[in-house]
Amino acid sequence: MFSGGIILSVTLILFAVWLQWNERQGWPGEESEYDDKTDADYLRSRFRSRRRIHGIIGICGLLILIATVKGPESRAVWIGCWSIVMLCLITVVGLALLDAVRTHRYHRRRLPELRRRMLGDDD
């Protein structure tokens, strides 16, 4: 159980760092996609939201590490840490759903412009 907890906590922490690094560097194929002010507003909002999500995932990794080191012998800490991890991960799912809705709304607003650009101004 100890080694599983260590592996899980390190995996979550590294996953959060990797996600944040990719968000800062830009995802592959995303460089030329955004170019005007509405894109900049969307990207700024997306970056803040995803930074929170990555932070929560990293915190979950730290809490799992604490619970693993303390072990089930220290019941209050162990149960407390795992309860907070559960609530944090539910929060991550909720924030990810909000991010998906925001992205959907952004693409829906941008679709007419993309159609005009692809089909030309003849319509």
Protein backbone atom coordinates (compact mmCIF):
# COMPACT_ATOMS: atom_id res chain seq x y z
CA MET A 1 0.00 0.00 0.00
CA PHE A 2 2.88 2.33 0.77
CA SER A 3 4.54 1.97 -2.63
CA GLY A 4 1.17 2.32 -4.41
CA GLY A 5 0.49 5.57 -2.57
CA ILE A 6 3.94 6.92 -3.45
CA ILE A 7 3.50 5.97 -7.11
CA LEU A 8 0.01 7.54 -7.23
CA SER A 9 1.11 10.76 -5.56
CA VAL A 10 4.20 11.20 -7.72
CA THR A 11 2.15 10.42 -10.84
CA LEU A 12 -0.45 13.06 -9.97
CA ILE A 13 2.17 15.68 -9.16
CA LEU A 14 4.11 15.00 -12.38
CA PHE A 15 0.87 14.96 -14.39
CA ALA A 16 -0.11 18.38 -13.01
CA VAL A 17 3.34 19.77 -13.80
CA TRP A 18 3.24 18.30 -17.33
CA LEU A 19 -0.23 19.74 -17.99
CA GLN A 20 0.82 23.18 -16.79
CA TRP A 21 4.03 23.07 -18.81
CA ASN A 22 2.10 22.17 -21.97
CA GLU A 23 -0.45 24.90 -21.28
CA ARG A 24 2.36 27.46 -21.01
CA GLN A 25 4.32 26.19 -24.03
CA GLY A 26 1.22 25.68 -26.16
CA TRP A 27 -0.25 22.43 -27.32
CA PRO A 28 0.96 20.99 -30.65
CA GLY A 29 -0.86 22.46 -33.66
CA GLU A 30 -2.39 25.29 -31.66
CA GLU A 31 0.05 28.08 -32.55
CA SER A 32 -1.71 29.55 -35.60
CA GLU A 33 -5.26 28.97 -34.41
CA TYR A 34 -5.71 32.11 -32.30
CA ASP A 35 -5.09 35.60 -33.62
CA ASP A 36 -7.55 38.32 -32.53
CA LYS A 37 -8.78 39.96 -29.30
CA THR A 38 -11.62 37.49 -28.62
CA ASP A 39 -9.06 34.73 -28.94
CA ALA A 40 -6.78 36.47 -26.43
CA ASP A 41 -9.66 36.86 -23.94
CA TYR A 42 -10.60 33.21 -24.34
CA LEU A 43 -6.99 32.05 -23.96
CA ARG A 44 -6.47 34.19 -20.84
CA SER A 45 -9.64 32.80 -19.26
CA ARG A 46 -8.72 29.24 -20.25
CA PHE A 47 -5.20 29.61 -18.86
CA ARG A 48 -6.46 30.84 -15.46
CA SER A 49 -9.05 28.08 -15.25
CA ARG A 50 -6.67 25.32 -16.22
CA ARG A 51 -3.97 26.64 -13.87
CA ARG A 52 -6.46 26.19 -11.02
CA ILE A 53 -7.26 22.66 -12.16
CA HIS A 54 -3.57 21.74 -12.41
CA GLY A 55 -2.97 23.20 -8.95
CA ILE A 56 -5.80 21.15 -7.47
CA ILE A 57 -4.43 17.98 -9.10
CA GLY A 58 -0.99 18.75 -7.65
CA ILE A 59 -2.51 19.34 -4.21
CA CYS A 60 -4.24 15.97 -4.47
CA GLY A 61 -0.85 14.39 -5.14
CA LEU A 62 0.61 16.08 -2.05
CA LEU A 63 -2.34 15.01 0.11
CA ILE A 64 -1.99 11.42 -1.08
CA LEU A 65 1.72 11.59 -0.22
CA ILE A 66 0.88 12.85 3.28
CA ALA A 67 -1.74 10.13 3.75
CA THR A 68 0.73 7.51 2.53
CA VAL A 69 3.53 8.65 4.82
CA LYS A 70 1.26 8.94 7.87
CA GLY A 71 -0.41 5.63 7.05
CA PRO A 72 -3.70 4.25 8.31
CA GLU A 73 -2.32 4.13 11.86
CA SER A 74 -2.97 7.87 12.08
CA ARG A 75 -6.66 7.51 11.21
CA ALA A 76 -7.73 11.15 11.43
CA VAL A 77 -5.02 12.40 9.08
CA TRP A 78 -5.44 9.46 6.69
CA ILE A 79 -9.23 9.78 6.46
CA GLY A 80 -9.02 13.57 6.29
CA CYS A 81 -6.50 13.56 3.45
CA TRP A 82 -8.38 11.00 1.39
CA SER A 83 -11.68 12.82 1.97
CA ILE A 84 -10.16 16.09 0.78
CA VAL A 85 -8.67 14.28 -2.25
CA MET A 86 -12.11 12.94 -3.12
CA LEU A 87 -13.69 16.40 -2.85
CA CYS A 88 -10.86 17.99 -4.84
CA LEU A 89 -11.20 15.48 -7.65
CA ILE A 90 -14.96 16.07 -7.81
CA THR A 91 -14.16 19.78 -8.03
CA VAL A 92 -11.69 19.10 -10.86
CA VAL A 93 -14.41 17.27 -12.80
CA GLY A 94 -16.80 20.19 -12.27
CA LEU A 95 -14.21 22.77 -13.35
CA ALA A 96 -13.32 20.65 -16.39
CA LEU A 97 -17.00 20.58 -17.37
CA LEU A 98 -17.14 24.37 -17.06
CA ASP A 99 -14.02 24.60 -19.23
CA ALA A 100 -15.67 22.38 -21.84
CA VAL A 101 -18.78 24.59 -21.84
CA ARG A 102 -16.63 27.73 -22.20
CA THR A 103 -14.71 26.17 -25.10
CA HIS A 104 -17.94 25.08 -26.78
CA ARG A 105 -19.39 28.59 -26.49
CA TYR A 106 -16.18 30.11 -27.87
CA HIS A 107 -16.16 27.80 -30.87
CA ARG A 108 -19.87 28.36 -31.49
CA ARG A 109 -19.28 32.15 -31.57
CA ARG A 110 -16.30 31.73 -33.85
CA LEU A 111 -17.89 29.28 -36.31
CA PRO A 112 -19.54 31.90 -38.62
CA GLU A 113 -16.21 33.70 -39.01
CA LEU A 114 -14.44 30.45 -39.86
CA ARG A 115 -17.12 29.58 -42.41
CA ARG A 116 -16.74 32.99 -44.10
CA ARG A 117 -12.98 32.57 -44.17
CA MET A 118 -13.16 29.05 -45.63
CA LEU A 119 -15.98 29.63 -48.14
CA GLY A 120 -15.03 33.17 -49.04
CA ASP A 121 -17.18 36.28 -48.81
CA ASP A 122 -19.51 35.22 -51.69
CA ASP A 123 -22.38 33.90 -49.58
